[in-house]
């Protein structure tokens, strides 16, 4: 999801997206622990996406963009 698309979502939709992404991150970490994960770069991508989503949520709460 692109940043422009994220900014168009409401706060509740953003929170749902954070929860969904955290679930995906959990799944990847379990695969990493079991040794079945080949694309380890996806963990960092998901962590960054969660950070972006949380930043946009804070901006909306503080009356930003």
N, C-alpha and C. Protein backbone atom coordinates (compact mmCIF):
# COMPACT_ATOMS: atom_id res chain seq x y z
N UNK A 1 0.85 -1.17 0.00
CA UNK A 1 0.00 0.00 0.00
C UNK A 1 0.90 1.24 0.00
N UNK A 2 0.57 2.18 -0.87
CA UNK A 2 1.36 3.39 -0.97
C UNK A 2 0.97 4.39 0.10
N UNK A 3 1.85 5.33 0.35
CA UNK A 3 1.64 6.33 1.38
C UNK A 3 0.39 7.17 1.09
N UNK A 4 0.16 7.51 -0.17
CA UNK A 4 -1.01 8.31 -0.54
C UNK A 4 -2.30 7.56 -0.22
N UNK A 5 -2.29 6.26 -0.47
CA UNK A 5 -3.47 5.44 -0.17
C UNK A 5 -3.69 5.35 1.33
N UNK A 6 -2.61 5.25 2.09
CA UNK A 6 -2.71 5.17 3.54
C UNK A 6 -3.32 6.44 4.12
N UNK A 7 -2.93 7.58 3.59
CA UNK A 7 -3.42 8.86 4.10
C UNK A 7 -4.91 9.06 3.85
N UNK A 8 -5.48 8.38 2.87
CA UNK A 8 -6.90 8.51 2.55
C UNK A 8 -7.77 7.69 3.50
N UNK A 9 -7.20 6.72 4.20
CA UNK A 9 -7.96 5.86 5.10
C UNK A 9 -8.31 6.58 6.39
N UNK A 10 -9.39 6.14 7.03
CA UNK A 10 -9.77 6.69 8.33
C UNK A 10 -8.88 6.09 9.42
N UNK A 11 -8.97 6.64 10.60
CA UNK A 11 -8.15 6.16 11.71
C UNK A 11 -8.48 4.72 12.07
N UNK A 12 -9.76 4.36 12.05
CA UNK A 12 -10.12 2.97 12.38
C UNK A 12 -9.61 2.01 11.31
N UNK A 13 -9.68 2.42 10.05
CA UNK A 13 -9.15 1.56 8.99
C UNK A 13 -7.64 1.41 9.11
N UNK A 14 -6.98 2.50 9.51
CA UNK A 14 -5.53 2.43 9.71
C UNK A 14 -5.18 1.49 10.85
N UNK A 15 -5.95 1.56 11.94
CA UNK A 15 -5.71 0.66 13.07
C UNK A 15 -5.92 -0.80 12.67
N UNK A 16 -6.94 -1.06 11.85
CA UNK A 16 -7.18 -2.41 11.37
C UNK A 16 -6.02 -2.88 10.50
N UNK A 17 -5.48 -1.98 9.69
CA UNK A 17 -4.35 -2.32 8.83
C UNK A 17 -3.11 -2.64 9.67
N UNK A 18 -2.92 -1.89 10.77
CA UNK A 18 -1.80 -2.15 11.67
C UNK A 18 -1.93 -3.55 12.26
N UNK A 19 -3.12 -3.90 12.73
CA UNK A 19 -3.33 -5.22 13.31
C UNK A 19 -3.09 -6.33 12.29
N UNK A 20 -3.57 -6.12 11.08
CA UNK A 20 -3.38 -7.11 10.01
C UNK A 20 -1.89 -7.29 9.71
N UNK A 21 -1.18 -6.18 9.64
CA UNK A 21 0.24 -6.23 9.32
C UNK A 21 1.03 -6.88 10.46
N UNK A 22 0.63 -6.60 11.69
CA UNK A 22 1.29 -7.24 12.84
C UNK A 22 1.09 -8.75 12.81
N UNK A 23 -0.09 -9.18 12.38
CA UNK A 23 -0.35 -10.61 12.24
C UNK A 23 0.55 -11.25 11.20
N UNK A 24 0.71 -10.55 10.08
CA UNK A 24 1.60 -11.05 9.03
C UNK A 24 3.04 -11.13 9.53
N UNK A 25 3.45 -10.11 10.30
CA UNK A 25 4.80 -10.08 10.85
C UNK A 25 5.01 -11.25 11.81
N UNK A 26 3.99 -11.55 12.62
CA UNK A 26 4.07 -12.68 13.53
C UNK A 26 4.26 -13.99 12.77
N UNK A 27 3.48 -14.15 11.70
CA UNK A 27 3.59 -15.36 10.87
C UNK A 27 5.00 -15.51 10.31
N UNK A 28 5.56 -14.40 9.81
CA UNK A 28 6.90 -14.45 9.24
C UNK A 28 7.94 -14.79 10.30
N UNK A 29 7.77 -14.24 11.50
CA UNK A 29 8.72 -14.54 12.57
C UNK A 29 8.65 -16.01 12.98
N UNK A 30 7.47 -16.58 12.95
CA UNK A 30 7.33 -18.00 13.26
C UNK A 30 8.03 -18.85 12.19
N UNK A 31 7.85 -18.46 10.93
CA UNK A 31 8.53 -19.18 9.85
C UNK A 31 10.04 -19.04 9.96
N UNK A 32 10.50 -17.86 10.36
CA UNK A 32 11.94 -17.63 10.53
C UNK A 32 12.49 -18.53 11.63
N UNK A 33 11.74 -18.64 12.72
CA UNK A 33 12.19 -19.46 13.85
C UNK A 33 12.21 -20.95 13.48
N UNK A 34 11.27 -21.36 12.63
CA UNK A 34 11.24 -22.77 12.24
C UNK A 34 12.18 -23.07 11.09
N UNK A 35 12.73 -22.03 10.48
CA UNK A 35 13.70 -22.22 9.42
C UNK A 35 13.11 -22.38 8.03
N UNK A 36 11.83 -22.04 7.87
CA UNK A 36 11.20 -22.20 6.56
C UNK A 36 11.07 -20.88 5.78
N UNK A 37 11.52 -19.79 6.36
CA UNK A 37 11.39 -18.49 5.70
C UNK A 37 12.60 -18.24 4.80
N UNK A 38 12.33 -17.99 3.53
CA UNK A 38 13.40 -17.73 2.58
C UNK A 38 13.59 -16.24 2.33
N UNK A 39 12.51 -15.49 2.34
CA UNK A 39 12.56 -14.06 2.03
C UNK A 39 12.56 -13.25 3.33
N UNK A 40 13.71 -13.19 3.97
CA UNK A 40 13.81 -12.53 5.27
C UNK A 40 13.65 -11.02 5.17
N UNK A 41 13.82 -10.45 4.00
CA UNK A 41 13.69 -9.00 3.84
C UNK A 41 12.25 -8.53 4.08
N UNK A 42 11.30 -9.43 3.99
CA UNK A 42 9.90 -9.06 4.19
C UNK A 42 9.62 -8.64 5.63
N UNK A 43 10.41 -9.17 6.57
CA UNK A 43 10.23 -8.78 7.98
C UNK A 43 10.51 -7.29 8.14
N UNK A 44 11.60 -6.82 7.58
CA UNK A 44 11.93 -5.40 7.68
C UNK A 44 10.91 -4.54 6.94
N UNK A 45 10.42 -5.00 5.80
CA UNK A 45 9.41 -4.25 5.05
C UNK A 45 8.14 -4.09 5.88
N UNK A 46 7.70 -5.15 6.55
CA UNK A 46 6.49 -5.07 7.36
C UNK A 46 6.69 -4.16 8.57
N UNK A 47 7.87 -4.21 9.18
CA UNK A 47 8.15 -3.35 10.32
C UNK A 47 8.08 -1.88 9.89
N UNK A 48 8.61 -1.58 8.73
CA UNK A 48 8.58 -0.20 8.23
C UNK A 48 7.16 0.22 7.88
N UNK A 49 6.37 -0.71 7.35
CA UNK A 49 4.99 -0.38 7.00
C UNK A 49 4.18 -0.08 8.27
N UNK A 50 4.41 -0.84 9.33
CA UNK A 50 3.73 -0.58 10.60
C UNK A 50 4.10 0.80 11.12
N UNK A 51 5.37 1.15 11.03
CA UNK A 51 5.83 2.46 11.49
C UNK A 51 5.17 3.58 10.69
N UNK A 52 5.06 3.40 9.38
CA UNK A 52 4.40 4.40 8.53
C UNK A 52 2.94 4.57 8.92
N UNK A 53 2.25 3.44 9.12
CA UNK A 53 0.84 3.50 9.51
C UNK A 53 0.66 4.21 10.84
N UNK A 54 1.51 3.90 11.81
CA UNK A 54 1.40 4.53 13.12
C UNK A 54 1.70 6.02 13.04
N UNK A 55 2.63 6.40 12.17
CA UNK A 55 2.95 7.82 11.99
C UNK A 55 1.76 8.56 11.42
N UNK A 56 1.10 7.98 10.45
CA UNK A 56 -0.07 8.62 9.85
C UNK A 56 -1.21 8.74 10.87
N UNK A 57 -1.37 7.72 11.71
CA UNK A 57 -2.40 7.77 12.76
C UNK A 57 -2.11 8.94 13.70
N UNK A 58 -0.86 9.09 14.11
CA UNK A 58 -0.50 10.20 15.01
C UNK A 58 -0.72 11.55 14.34
N UNK A 59 -0.39 11.64 13.05
CA UNK A 59 -0.61 12.89 12.33
C UNK A 59 -2.08 13.26 12.33
N UNK A 60 -2.94 12.28 12.11
CA UNK A 60 -4.39 12.54 12.09
C UNK A 60 -4.88 12.94 13.47
N UNK A 61 -4.35 12.32 14.52
CA UNK A 61 -4.77 12.66 15.88
C UNK A 61 -4.34 14.07 16.26
N UNK A 62 -3.19 14.50 15.76
CA UNK A 62 -2.67 15.82 16.09
C UNK A 62 -3.14 16.90 15.12
N UNK A 63 -4.02 16.55 14.21
CA UNK A 63 -4.56 17.53 13.29
C UNK A 63 -3.63 17.87 12.14
N UNK A 64 -2.70 16.98 11.86
CA UNK A 64 -1.77 17.21 10.75
C UNK A 64 -2.44 16.97 9.43
N UNK A 65 -1.65 16.68 8.45
CA UNK A 65 -2.14 16.45 7.09
C UNK A 65 -3.36 15.64 7.10
